[in-house]
N, C-alpha and C. Protein backbone atom coordinates (compact mmCIF):
# COMPACT_ATOMS: atom_id res chain seq x y z
N MET A 1 -23.46 -97.91 35.36
CA MET A 1 -22.43 -97.05 35.93
C MET A 1 -21.24 -96.96 35.00
N GLN A 2 -20.70 -95.76 34.86
CA GLN A 2 -19.48 -95.55 34.09
C GLN A 2 -18.28 -95.43 35.03
N ILE A 3 -17.15 -95.92 34.56
CA ILE A 3 -15.92 -95.90 35.36
C ILE A 3 -14.81 -95.30 34.52
N LEU A 4 -14.27 -94.19 34.99
CA LEU A 4 -13.09 -93.59 34.39
C LEU A 4 -11.86 -94.14 35.10
N LEU A 5 -10.96 -94.74 34.36
CA LEU A 5 -9.68 -95.17 34.90
C LEU A 5 -8.63 -94.18 34.42
N ILE A 6 -7.94 -93.54 35.34
CA ILE A 6 -7.02 -92.46 34.97
C ILE A 6 -5.66 -92.70 35.60
N ARG A 7 -4.62 -92.70 34.79
CA ARG A 7 -3.26 -92.84 35.30
C ARG A 7 -2.74 -91.47 35.74
N HIS A 8 -1.85 -91.48 36.68
CA HIS A 8 -1.22 -90.25 37.18
C HIS A 8 -0.38 -89.59 36.08
N GLY A 9 0.01 -88.35 36.32
CA GLY A 9 0.89 -87.64 35.40
C GLY A 9 2.34 -88.04 35.58
N GLN A 10 3.19 -87.42 34.78
CA GLN A 10 4.63 -87.71 34.84
C GLN A 10 5.16 -87.49 36.26
N SER A 11 5.98 -88.43 36.74
CA SER A 11 6.55 -88.31 38.08
C SER A 11 8.06 -88.11 37.99
N GLU A 12 8.65 -87.75 39.10
CA GLU A 12 10.10 -87.54 39.15
C GLU A 12 10.86 -88.82 38.84
N ALA A 13 10.26 -89.98 39.10
CA ALA A 13 10.91 -91.24 38.79
C ALA A 13 11.14 -91.39 37.29
N ASP A 14 10.22 -90.81 36.49
CA ASP A 14 10.38 -90.87 35.03
C ASP A 14 11.63 -90.11 34.59
N ILE A 15 11.90 -89.01 35.26
CA ILE A 15 13.07 -88.19 34.93
C ILE A 15 14.34 -88.87 35.42
N LEU A 16 14.27 -89.48 36.60
CA LEU A 16 15.43 -90.15 37.19
C LEU A 16 15.71 -91.51 36.55
N ASN A 17 14.71 -92.05 35.82
CA ASN A 17 14.83 -93.36 35.16
C ASN A 17 15.12 -94.47 36.17
N VAL A 18 14.25 -94.53 37.18
CA VAL A 18 14.39 -95.54 38.22
C VAL A 18 13.13 -96.41 38.26
N HIS A 19 13.25 -97.58 38.90
CA HIS A 19 12.07 -98.41 39.16
C HIS A 19 11.15 -97.63 40.09
N GLU A 20 9.88 -97.58 39.74
CA GLU A 20 8.95 -96.83 40.58
C GLU A 20 8.17 -97.79 41.48
N GLY A 21 7.07 -98.35 41.00
CA GLY A 21 6.34 -99.29 41.85
C GLY A 21 5.90 -98.66 43.15
N LYS A 22 6.37 -99.22 44.27
CA LYS A 22 5.97 -98.69 45.58
C LYS A 22 6.75 -97.44 45.97
N ALA A 23 7.82 -97.10 45.22
CA ALA A 23 8.58 -95.89 45.52
C ALA A 23 7.67 -94.67 45.35
N ASP A 24 7.74 -93.74 46.29
CA ASP A 24 6.74 -92.67 46.37
C ASP A 24 7.30 -91.34 45.87
N PHE A 25 7.33 -91.17 44.56
CA PHE A 25 7.82 -89.94 43.95
C PHE A 25 6.66 -89.01 43.63
N PRO A 26 6.84 -87.69 43.78
CA PRO A 26 5.77 -86.74 43.42
C PRO A 26 5.75 -86.48 41.92
N LEU A 27 4.76 -85.74 41.49
CA LEU A 27 4.67 -85.31 40.10
C LEU A 27 5.75 -84.28 39.79
N THR A 28 6.16 -84.23 38.54
CA THR A 28 6.98 -83.13 38.06
C THR A 28 6.06 -81.96 37.71
N GLU A 29 6.64 -80.81 37.38
CA GLU A 29 5.81 -79.69 36.93
C GLU A 29 5.05 -80.05 35.66
N GLU A 30 5.71 -80.80 34.78
CA GLU A 30 5.02 -81.26 33.57
C GLU A 30 3.88 -82.19 33.93
N GLY A 31 4.10 -83.05 34.92
CA GLY A 31 3.05 -83.96 35.36
C GLY A 31 1.84 -83.22 35.92
N ARG A 32 2.10 -82.11 36.62
CA ARG A 32 0.98 -81.32 37.14
C ARG A 32 0.21 -80.64 36.01
N GLU A 33 0.95 -80.19 34.99
CA GLU A 33 0.27 -79.58 33.84
C GLU A 33 -0.54 -80.64 33.08
N GLN A 34 0.00 -81.84 32.96
CA GLN A 34 -0.75 -82.93 32.33
C GLN A 34 -2.04 -83.18 33.10
N ALA A 35 -1.94 -83.19 34.43
CA ALA A 35 -3.12 -83.43 35.27
C ALA A 35 -4.15 -82.32 35.12
N ARG A 36 -3.70 -81.09 35.01
CA ARG A 36 -4.63 -79.97 34.83
C ARG A 36 -5.36 -80.08 33.50
N ARG A 37 -4.65 -80.47 32.45
CA ARG A 37 -5.28 -80.62 31.14
C ARG A 37 -6.29 -81.77 31.16
N MET A 38 -5.87 -82.87 31.78
CA MET A 38 -6.79 -84.01 31.90
C MET A 38 -8.04 -83.62 32.67
N ALA A 39 -7.86 -82.91 33.79
CA ALA A 39 -9.00 -82.54 34.63
C ALA A 39 -9.97 -81.61 33.90
N ALA A 40 -9.44 -80.69 33.11
CA ALA A 40 -10.29 -79.78 32.34
C ALA A 40 -11.13 -80.56 31.33
N ARG A 41 -10.53 -81.56 30.70
CA ARG A 41 -11.27 -82.39 29.75
C ARG A 41 -12.34 -83.21 30.45
N VAL A 42 -11.98 -83.82 31.58
CA VAL A 42 -12.94 -84.64 32.32
C VAL A 42 -14.13 -83.80 32.78
N LEU A 43 -13.85 -82.59 33.27
CA LEU A 43 -14.93 -81.69 33.70
C LEU A 43 -15.88 -81.40 32.55
N GLU A 44 -15.34 -81.17 31.38
CA GLU A 44 -16.15 -80.81 30.22
C GLU A 44 -16.92 -81.99 29.63
N GLN A 45 -16.29 -83.16 29.60
CA GLN A 45 -16.86 -84.28 28.84
C GLN A 45 -17.52 -85.36 29.68
N PHE A 46 -16.97 -85.69 30.83
CA PHE A 46 -17.52 -86.79 31.64
C PHE A 46 -17.15 -86.63 33.11
N PRO A 47 -17.69 -85.60 33.77
CA PRO A 47 -17.35 -85.38 35.18
C PRO A 47 -17.86 -86.50 36.08
N PRO A 48 -17.02 -87.00 36.98
CA PRO A 48 -17.46 -88.07 37.90
C PRO A 48 -18.20 -87.51 39.10
N ASP A 49 -18.95 -88.39 39.74
CA ASP A 49 -19.63 -88.04 40.99
C ASP A 49 -18.74 -88.28 42.20
N PHE A 50 -17.76 -89.16 42.03
CA PHE A 50 -16.88 -89.52 43.14
C PHE A 50 -15.56 -90.01 42.56
N ILE A 51 -14.47 -89.78 43.30
CA ILE A 51 -13.13 -90.20 42.87
C ILE A 51 -12.52 -91.10 43.93
N TRP A 52 -11.97 -92.21 43.47
CA TRP A 52 -11.17 -93.10 44.31
C TRP A 52 -9.73 -93.00 43.82
N ALA A 53 -8.76 -92.95 44.74
CA ALA A 53 -7.39 -92.73 44.29
C ALA A 53 -6.37 -93.44 45.17
N SER A 54 -5.26 -93.78 44.55
CA SER A 54 -4.10 -94.34 45.25
C SER A 54 -3.52 -93.28 46.19
N THR A 55 -2.91 -93.75 47.26
CA THR A 55 -2.29 -92.86 48.23
C THR A 55 -0.86 -92.45 47.85
N LEU A 56 -0.25 -93.09 46.86
CA LEU A 56 1.09 -92.68 46.44
C LEU A 56 1.03 -91.28 45.84
N LYS A 57 2.06 -90.48 46.09
CA LYS A 57 2.04 -89.04 45.78
C LYS A 57 1.67 -88.73 44.33
N ARG A 58 2.24 -89.47 43.38
CA ARG A 58 2.00 -89.14 41.98
C ARG A 58 0.53 -89.30 41.60
N ALA A 59 -0.13 -90.28 42.21
CA ALA A 59 -1.56 -90.48 41.93
C ALA A 59 -2.43 -89.59 42.80
N SER A 60 -2.07 -89.41 44.06
CA SER A 60 -2.90 -88.59 44.94
C SER A 60 -2.87 -87.12 44.52
N GLU A 61 -1.71 -86.65 44.03
CA GLU A 61 -1.63 -85.28 43.50
C GLU A 61 -2.52 -85.13 42.26
N THR A 62 -2.46 -86.11 41.38
CA THR A 62 -3.29 -86.09 40.17
C THR A 62 -4.77 -86.08 40.54
N ALA A 63 -5.14 -86.93 41.49
CA ALA A 63 -6.54 -87.00 41.93
C ALA A 63 -6.99 -85.71 42.60
N SER A 64 -6.11 -85.09 43.35
CA SER A 64 -6.44 -83.83 44.02
C SER A 64 -6.72 -82.73 43.01
N ILE A 65 -5.91 -82.68 41.96
CA ILE A 65 -6.13 -81.69 40.89
C ILE A 65 -7.48 -81.95 40.22
N LEU A 66 -7.77 -83.22 39.96
CA LEU A 66 -9.05 -83.57 39.33
C LEU A 66 -10.22 -83.21 40.24
N ALA A 67 -10.11 -83.56 41.52
CA ALA A 67 -11.21 -83.29 42.46
C ALA A 67 -11.47 -81.79 42.59
N ASP A 68 -10.40 -80.99 42.65
CA ASP A 68 -10.56 -79.54 42.77
C ASP A 68 -11.20 -78.96 41.52
N THR A 69 -10.85 -79.50 40.36
CA THR A 69 -11.39 -79.00 39.10
C THR A 69 -12.86 -79.37 38.93
N VAL A 70 -13.16 -80.63 39.21
CA VAL A 70 -14.53 -81.13 39.02
C VAL A 70 -15.45 -80.71 40.15
N GLY A 71 -14.89 -80.58 41.36
CA GLY A 71 -15.69 -80.22 42.51
C GLY A 71 -16.45 -81.39 43.09
N CYS A 72 -15.78 -82.55 43.18
CA CYS A 72 -16.43 -83.72 43.77
C CYS A 72 -15.50 -84.34 44.81
N PRO A 73 -16.03 -85.16 45.71
CA PRO A 73 -15.21 -85.75 46.76
C PRO A 73 -14.25 -86.80 46.23
N VAL A 74 -13.18 -87.01 46.99
CA VAL A 74 -12.18 -88.01 46.64
C VAL A 74 -11.81 -88.78 47.90
N GLN A 75 -11.62 -90.08 47.75
CA GLN A 75 -11.14 -90.91 48.86
C GLN A 75 -9.87 -91.62 48.42
N TYR A 76 -8.84 -91.51 49.26
CA TYR A 76 -7.54 -92.11 48.96
C TYR A 76 -7.42 -93.44 49.69
N ILE A 77 -7.07 -94.49 48.95
CA ILE A 77 -6.97 -95.81 49.54
C ILE A 77 -5.68 -96.51 49.10
N PRO A 78 -4.94 -97.08 50.04
CA PRO A 78 -3.65 -97.70 49.70
C PRO A 78 -3.76 -98.90 48.80
N GLU A 79 -4.90 -99.57 48.79
CA GLU A 79 -5.06 -100.76 47.95
C GLU A 79 -4.96 -100.46 46.45
N LEU A 80 -5.08 -99.17 46.08
CA LEU A 80 -4.96 -98.79 44.67
C LEU A 80 -3.53 -98.46 44.26
N GLN A 81 -2.58 -98.71 45.16
CA GLN A 81 -1.18 -98.43 44.83
C GLN A 81 -0.68 -99.36 43.72
N GLU A 82 0.45 -98.98 43.14
CA GLU A 82 1.08 -99.75 42.08
C GLU A 82 1.62 -101.07 42.64
N HIS A 83 2.03 -101.96 41.74
CA HIS A 83 2.64 -103.24 42.10
C HIS A 83 3.76 -103.03 43.11
N ASN A 84 3.69 -103.72 44.22
CA ASN A 84 4.76 -103.66 45.22
C ASN A 84 5.97 -104.38 44.64
N ASN A 85 7.00 -103.60 44.31
CA ASN A 85 8.17 -104.17 43.65
C ASN A 85 9.35 -104.39 44.59
N GLY A 86 9.07 -104.48 45.88
CA GLY A 86 10.08 -104.87 46.86
C GLY A 86 11.32 -104.01 46.81
N ASP A 87 12.49 -104.67 46.81
CA ASP A 87 13.74 -103.91 46.88
C ASP A 87 14.17 -103.32 45.54
N LEU A 88 13.34 -103.48 44.50
CA LEU A 88 13.62 -102.80 43.23
C LEU A 88 13.25 -101.32 43.30
N ALA A 89 12.35 -100.96 44.21
CA ALA A 89 11.82 -99.60 44.28
C ALA A 89 12.93 -98.57 44.40
N GLY A 90 12.95 -97.63 43.48
CA GLY A 90 13.91 -96.54 43.52
C GLY A 90 15.26 -96.83 42.91
N LYS A 91 15.51 -98.07 42.51
CA LYS A 91 16.82 -98.42 41.95
C LYS A 91 16.90 -98.01 40.48
N PRO A 92 18.08 -97.57 40.02
CA PRO A 92 18.23 -97.14 38.62
C PRO A 92 17.99 -98.29 37.65
N LEU A 93 17.21 -98.02 36.61
CA LEU A 93 16.91 -99.04 35.61
C LEU A 93 18.16 -99.46 34.84
N GLU A 94 19.11 -98.56 34.70
CA GLU A 94 20.35 -98.89 33.99
C GLU A 94 21.16 -99.93 34.75
N GLU A 95 21.10 -99.88 36.07
CA GLU A 95 21.88 -100.80 36.90
C GLU A 95 21.12 -102.09 37.18
N VAL A 96 19.80 -101.99 37.32
CA VAL A 96 18.98 -103.16 37.66
C VAL A 96 17.82 -103.25 36.66
N PRO A 97 17.98 -103.96 35.56
CA PRO A 97 16.90 -104.08 34.57
C PRO A 97 15.67 -104.76 35.16
N PHE A 98 14.53 -104.50 34.55
CA PHE A 98 13.30 -105.13 35.02
C PHE A 98 13.35 -106.63 34.75
N PRO A 99 12.99 -107.45 35.73
CA PRO A 99 13.05 -108.92 35.56
C PRO A 99 11.84 -109.46 34.79
N TRP A 100 11.86 -109.32 33.48
CA TRP A 100 10.70 -109.69 32.66
C TRP A 100 10.36 -111.17 32.74
N GLY A 101 11.34 -112.02 33.01
CA GLY A 101 11.09 -113.46 33.02
C GLY A 101 10.57 -114.02 34.33
N ILE A 102 10.18 -113.14 35.25
CA ILE A 102 9.74 -113.60 36.56
C ILE A 102 8.46 -114.45 36.41
N LEU A 103 8.38 -115.51 37.18
CA LEU A 103 7.23 -116.41 37.12
C LEU A 103 6.06 -115.85 37.92
N PRO A 104 4.83 -116.25 37.59
CA PRO A 104 3.65 -115.66 38.24
C PRO A 104 3.63 -115.76 39.76
N HIS A 105 4.27 -116.80 40.31
CA HIS A 105 4.24 -116.97 41.77
C HIS A 105 5.41 -116.29 42.47
N GLU A 106 6.39 -115.83 41.71
CA GLU A 106 7.59 -115.23 42.31
C GLU A 106 7.34 -113.78 42.68
N LYS A 107 7.85 -113.39 43.83
CA LYS A 107 7.63 -112.04 44.32
C LYS A 107 8.58 -111.07 43.63
N LEU A 108 8.05 -109.96 43.16
CA LEU A 108 8.86 -108.95 42.49
C LEU A 108 9.77 -108.26 43.50
N GLY A 109 11.04 -108.13 43.14
CA GLY A 109 11.97 -107.47 44.05
C GLY A 109 12.24 -108.24 45.32
N GLY A 110 12.12 -109.55 45.27
CA GLY A 110 12.44 -110.39 46.44
C GLY A 110 11.34 -110.48 47.46
N ASP A 111 10.90 -109.33 47.99
CA ASP A 111 9.88 -109.34 49.05
C ASP A 111 8.64 -108.54 48.67
N GLY A 112 8.48 -108.28 47.36
CA GLY A 112 7.30 -107.54 46.90
C GLY A 112 6.13 -108.48 46.65
N GLU A 113 5.28 -108.12 45.69
CA GLU A 113 4.12 -108.95 45.34
C GLU A 113 4.42 -109.78 44.10
N SER A 114 3.86 -110.96 44.06
CA SER A 114 3.89 -111.75 42.84
C SER A 114 2.81 -111.22 41.89
N LYS A 115 2.84 -111.65 40.64
CA LYS A 115 1.79 -111.27 39.68
C LYS A 115 0.43 -111.75 40.17
N ILE A 116 0.41 -112.93 40.75
CA ILE A 116 -0.86 -113.49 41.24
C ILE A 116 -1.39 -112.66 42.41
N GLU A 117 -0.52 -112.27 43.33
CA GLU A 117 -0.93 -111.46 44.47
C GLU A 117 -1.43 -110.08 44.02
N PHE A 118 -0.73 -109.51 43.05
CA PHE A 118 -1.13 -108.18 42.55
C PHE A 118 -2.50 -108.25 41.89
N ARG A 119 -2.72 -109.28 41.08
CA ARG A 119 -4.03 -109.44 40.45
C ARG A 119 -5.12 -109.63 41.50
N ALA A 120 -4.84 -110.40 42.53
CA ALA A 120 -5.83 -110.63 43.58
C ALA A 120 -6.17 -109.32 44.30
N ARG A 121 -5.15 -108.51 44.55
CA ARG A 121 -5.40 -107.21 45.20
C ARG A 121 -6.25 -106.32 44.29
N GLY A 122 -5.96 -106.34 42.99
CA GLY A 122 -6.76 -105.56 42.06
C GLY A 122 -8.20 -106.00 42.03
N GLU A 123 -8.42 -107.32 41.98
CA GLU A 123 -9.78 -107.86 41.99
C GLU A 123 -10.53 -107.44 43.25
N GLN A 124 -9.84 -107.54 44.38
CA GLN A 124 -10.50 -107.26 45.66
C GLN A 124 -10.89 -105.80 45.79
N ILE A 125 -9.95 -104.89 45.47
CA ILE A 125 -10.29 -103.47 45.65
C ILE A 125 -11.29 -103.00 44.61
N TYR A 126 -11.21 -103.54 43.40
CA TYR A 126 -12.18 -103.17 42.37
C TYR A 126 -13.58 -103.63 42.78
N SER A 127 -13.69 -104.83 43.31
CA SER A 127 -14.99 -105.32 43.77
C SER A 127 -15.54 -104.43 44.89
N ALA A 128 -14.67 -104.02 45.81
CA ALA A 128 -15.10 -103.17 46.92
C ALA A 128 -15.55 -101.80 46.43
N ILE A 129 -14.79 -101.23 45.49
CA ILE A 129 -15.14 -99.92 44.95
C ILE A 129 -16.49 -99.97 44.23
N ARG A 130 -16.72 -101.02 43.45
CA ARG A 130 -18.00 -101.15 42.76
C ARG A 130 -19.15 -101.23 43.78
N HIS A 131 -18.95 -102.00 44.82
CA HIS A 131 -19.99 -102.15 45.85
C HIS A 131 -20.28 -100.82 46.54
N LEU A 132 -19.22 -100.05 46.81
CA LEU A 132 -19.39 -98.78 47.53
C LEU A 132 -19.84 -97.64 46.61
N SER A 133 -19.89 -97.89 45.31
CA SER A 133 -20.21 -96.81 44.35
C SER A 133 -21.55 -97.00 43.65
N THR A 134 -22.39 -97.88 44.16
CA THR A 134 -23.65 -98.19 43.47
C THR A 134 -24.59 -97.00 43.34
N SER A 135 -24.44 -95.99 44.19
CA SER A 135 -25.33 -94.83 44.12
C SER A 135 -24.85 -93.78 43.12
N TYR A 136 -23.69 -93.99 42.50
CA TYR A 136 -23.14 -93.02 41.56
C TYR A 136 -23.36 -93.46 40.11
N LYS A 137 -23.57 -92.49 39.25
CA LYS A 137 -23.69 -92.78 37.81
C LYS A 137 -22.32 -92.91 37.15
N ARG A 138 -21.34 -92.15 37.67
CA ARG A 138 -20.00 -92.20 37.09
C ARG A 138 -18.97 -91.96 38.19
N ILE A 139 -17.96 -92.78 38.23
CA ILE A 139 -16.86 -92.61 39.18
C ILE A 139 -15.55 -92.54 38.41
N ALA A 140 -14.53 -92.04 39.08
CA ALA A 140 -13.17 -92.05 38.54
C ALA A 140 -12.27 -92.81 39.51
N ILE A 141 -11.35 -93.57 38.96
CA ILE A 141 -10.32 -94.24 39.75
C ILE A 141 -8.98 -93.74 39.23
N VAL A 142 -8.24 -93.03 40.09
CA VAL A 142 -6.95 -92.48 39.70
C VAL A 142 -5.87 -93.35 40.32
N SER A 143 -5.10 -93.99 39.46
CA SER A 143 -4.15 -94.97 39.97
C SER A 143 -2.91 -95.03 39.07
N HIS A 144 -2.40 -96.23 38.87
CA HIS A 144 -1.13 -96.47 38.20
C HIS A 144 -1.34 -97.44 37.05
N GLY A 145 -0.39 -97.46 36.12
CA GLY A 145 -0.53 -98.31 34.94
C GLY A 145 -0.80 -99.76 35.26
N GLY A 146 -0.05 -100.31 36.22
CA GLY A 146 -0.24 -101.71 36.58
C GLY A 146 -1.60 -101.99 37.19
N MET A 147 -2.00 -101.14 38.13
CA MET A 147 -3.31 -101.35 38.77
C MET A 147 -4.44 -101.13 37.79
N ILE A 148 -4.30 -100.17 36.89
CA ILE A 148 -5.33 -99.96 35.87
C ILE A 148 -5.48 -101.22 35.02
N SER A 149 -4.36 -101.84 34.68
CA SER A 149 -4.42 -103.10 33.92
C SER A 149 -5.15 -104.18 34.70
N ARG A 150 -4.88 -104.27 36.01
CA ARG A 150 -5.55 -105.28 36.83
C ARG A 150 -7.05 -105.03 36.87
N ILE A 151 -7.46 -103.77 36.93
CA ILE A 151 -8.88 -103.45 36.97
C ILE A 151 -9.55 -103.78 35.64
N ILE A 152 -8.88 -103.47 34.54
CA ILE A 152 -9.44 -103.83 33.23
C ILE A 152 -9.56 -105.34 33.10
N GLU A 153 -8.56 -106.08 33.58
CA GLU A 153 -8.65 -107.54 33.57
C GLU A 153 -9.87 -108.01 34.36
N SER A 154 -10.11 -107.37 35.49
CA SER A 154 -11.28 -107.73 36.31
C SER A 154 -12.57 -107.40 35.57
N PHE A 155 -12.61 -106.22 34.96
CA PHE A 155 -13.79 -105.80 34.20
C PHE A 155 -14.11 -106.78 33.07
N LEU A 156 -13.06 -107.25 32.40
CA LEU A 156 -13.24 -108.18 31.28
C LEU A 156 -13.31 -109.64 31.71
N GLN A 157 -13.14 -109.88 33.00
CA GLN A 157 -13.18 -111.24 33.55
C GLN A 157 -12.13 -112.14 32.88
N LEU A 158 -10.94 -111.59 32.71
CA LEU A 158 -9.85 -112.35 32.11
C LEU A 158 -9.24 -113.30 33.14
N PRO A 159 -8.63 -114.38 32.69
CA PRO A 159 -7.92 -115.26 33.63
C PRO A 159 -6.69 -114.56 34.19
N VAL A 160 -6.15 -115.10 35.25
CA VAL A 160 -4.96 -114.50 35.87
C VAL A 160 -3.79 -114.47 34.89
N LEU A 161 -3.60 -115.56 34.16
CA LEU A 161 -2.52 -115.64 33.20
C LEU A 161 -3.06 -115.48 31.78
N HIS A 162 -2.53 -114.53 31.05
CA HIS A 162 -2.96 -114.27 29.67
C HIS A 162 -1.85 -113.48 28.99
N ASP A 163 -2.00 -113.23 27.69
CA ASP A 163 -0.98 -112.49 26.95
C ASP A 163 -1.53 -111.20 26.36
N ILE A 164 -2.52 -110.61 27.04
CA ILE A 164 -3.12 -109.35 26.60
C ILE A 164 -2.49 -108.22 27.40
N TYR A 165 -2.17 -107.13 26.72
CA TYR A 165 -1.49 -106.01 27.38
C TYR A 165 -2.32 -104.74 27.24
N PHE A 166 -2.44 -103.98 28.32
CA PHE A 166 -3.16 -102.71 28.32
C PHE A 166 -2.17 -101.60 28.65
N GLY A 167 -1.88 -100.75 27.69
CA GLY A 167 -0.97 -99.64 27.92
C GLY A 167 -1.72 -98.40 28.38
N THR A 168 -1.07 -97.62 29.24
CA THR A 168 -1.65 -96.36 29.71
C THR A 168 -0.54 -95.32 29.84
N GLY A 169 -0.64 -94.24 29.07
CA GLY A 169 0.34 -93.17 29.15
C GLY A 169 0.04 -92.22 30.30
N ASP A 170 0.87 -91.22 30.47
CA ASP A 170 0.66 -90.22 31.52
C ASP A 170 -0.71 -89.58 31.37
N THR A 171 -1.51 -89.63 32.42
CA THR A 171 -2.90 -89.15 32.49
C THR A 171 -3.79 -89.74 31.41
N GLY A 172 -3.42 -90.93 30.93
CA GLY A 172 -4.29 -91.63 29.98
C GLY A 172 -5.61 -92.01 30.64
N ILE A 173 -6.69 -91.91 29.87
CA ILE A 173 -8.04 -92.17 30.38
C ILE A 173 -8.65 -93.37 29.66
N HIS A 174 -9.24 -94.27 30.44
CA HIS A 174 -10.05 -95.37 29.91
C HIS A 174 -11.47 -95.13 30.41
N LEU A 175 -12.46 -95.37 29.57
CA LEU A 175 -13.85 -95.23 30.00
C LEU A 175 -14.59 -96.55 29.81
N LEU A 176 -15.01 -97.13 30.93
CA LEU A 176 -15.73 -98.40 30.96
C LEU A 176 -17.16 -98.16 31.42
N GLU A 177 -18.04 -99.07 31.07
CA GLU A 177 -19.44 -98.90 31.48
C GLU A 177 -20.12 -100.25 31.69
N TYR A 178 -20.90 -100.32 32.75
CA TYR A 178 -21.84 -101.42 32.97
C TYR A 178 -23.22 -100.90 32.60
N ASN A 179 -23.90 -101.58 31.69
CA ASN A 179 -25.26 -101.18 31.34
C ASN A 179 -26.15 -102.41 31.22
N GLU A 180 -27.37 -102.22 30.73
CA GLU A 180 -28.32 -103.33 30.69
C GLU A 180 -27.91 -104.43 29.70
N TYR A 181 -26.98 -104.12 28.81
CA TYR A 181 -26.55 -105.10 27.82
C TYR A 181 -25.29 -105.86 28.24
N GLY A 182 -24.60 -105.34 29.24
CA GLY A 182 -23.37 -105.98 29.69
C GLY A 182 -22.28 -104.97 29.98
N ARG A 183 -21.06 -105.29 29.56
CA ARG A 183 -19.90 -104.45 29.83
C ARG A 183 -19.43 -103.80 28.53
N LEU A 184 -19.26 -102.48 28.56
CA LEU A 184 -18.90 -101.72 27.38
C LEU A 184 -17.61 -100.94 27.61
N ILE A 185 -16.66 -101.04 26.67
CA ILE A 185 -15.47 -100.21 26.69
C ILE A 185 -15.67 -99.10 25.67
N HIS A 186 -15.78 -97.85 26.14
CA HIS A 186 -15.97 -96.72 25.24
C HIS A 186 -14.66 -96.37 24.52
N PHE A 187 -13.57 -96.30 25.29
CA PHE A 187 -12.25 -96.05 24.71
C PHE A 187 -11.19 -96.40 25.75
N THR A 188 -9.94 -96.51 25.29
CA THR A 188 -8.83 -96.82 26.19
C THR A 188 -7.67 -95.86 25.94
N ASN A 189 -6.94 -95.55 27.00
CA ASN A 189 -5.69 -94.79 26.95
C ASN A 189 -5.80 -93.53 26.09
N SER A 190 -6.85 -92.76 26.31
CA SER A 190 -7.05 -91.53 25.55
C SER A 190 -6.30 -90.37 26.19
N THR A 191 -5.52 -89.66 25.37
CA THR A 191 -4.77 -88.49 25.87
C THR A 191 -5.01 -87.30 24.95
N THR A 192 -6.20 -87.17 24.39
CA THR A 192 -6.48 -86.06 23.49
C THR A 192 -6.45 -84.71 24.20
N HIS A 193 -6.47 -84.71 25.53
CA HIS A 193 -6.36 -83.46 26.27
C HIS A 193 -5.01 -82.78 26.04
N PHE A 194 -4.01 -83.52 25.57
CA PHE A 194 -2.71 -82.91 25.26
C PHE A 194 -2.76 -82.13 23.94
N ASP A 195 -3.78 -82.39 23.12
CA ASP A 195 -3.88 -81.72 21.83
C ASP A 195 -4.53 -80.36 21.94
N ARG A 196 -5.07 -80.04 23.10
CA ARG A 196 -5.82 -78.80 23.26
C ARG A 196 -4.88 -77.60 23.36
N MET A 197 -5.33 -76.50 22.82
CA MET A 197 -4.56 -75.25 22.91
C MET A 197 -4.78 -74.63 24.28
N ASP A 198 -3.80 -73.88 24.76
CA ASP A 198 -3.95 -73.17 26.04
C ASP A 198 -4.96 -72.05 25.91
């Protein structure tokens, strides 16, 4: 089975320069255009049989554009949402910098999720999606940068604590595969759909 991991397009939070996380901002017009370009590429090169997507607006809008373009079903599930960042959500980054030194057990934003809790949620929903997708040859998961990282960690069977970083730009695509030889990463964070002419 192949798995497309796709990040949402640009959201209004990017323009406002605020902490996003659980804050529910929609896509910008540029974000919608990014999603349309991504969807056209996915349709041409690796169309999925089924789409799983986060319920937050920026991801659900992106997934809806993809589903309409490809012509396949989509299911929205809250477990694919971004890291719950508690009371940081929506606050200006200039006023409240990101707490990079937070310990793995400490909850982000006071009452959000810890790194350990977020990883556990990623492991759990990824396991469930794999179980529910056994009849498909290729699926897409449309989510957020943090959750995509948690899924890649699960795919690679990495420990909870490590120093490996997975970046994902707006509508960046990762293509993973389970085959008879094991686990294969075809590519990561691909945005060549932005290079295409209108």
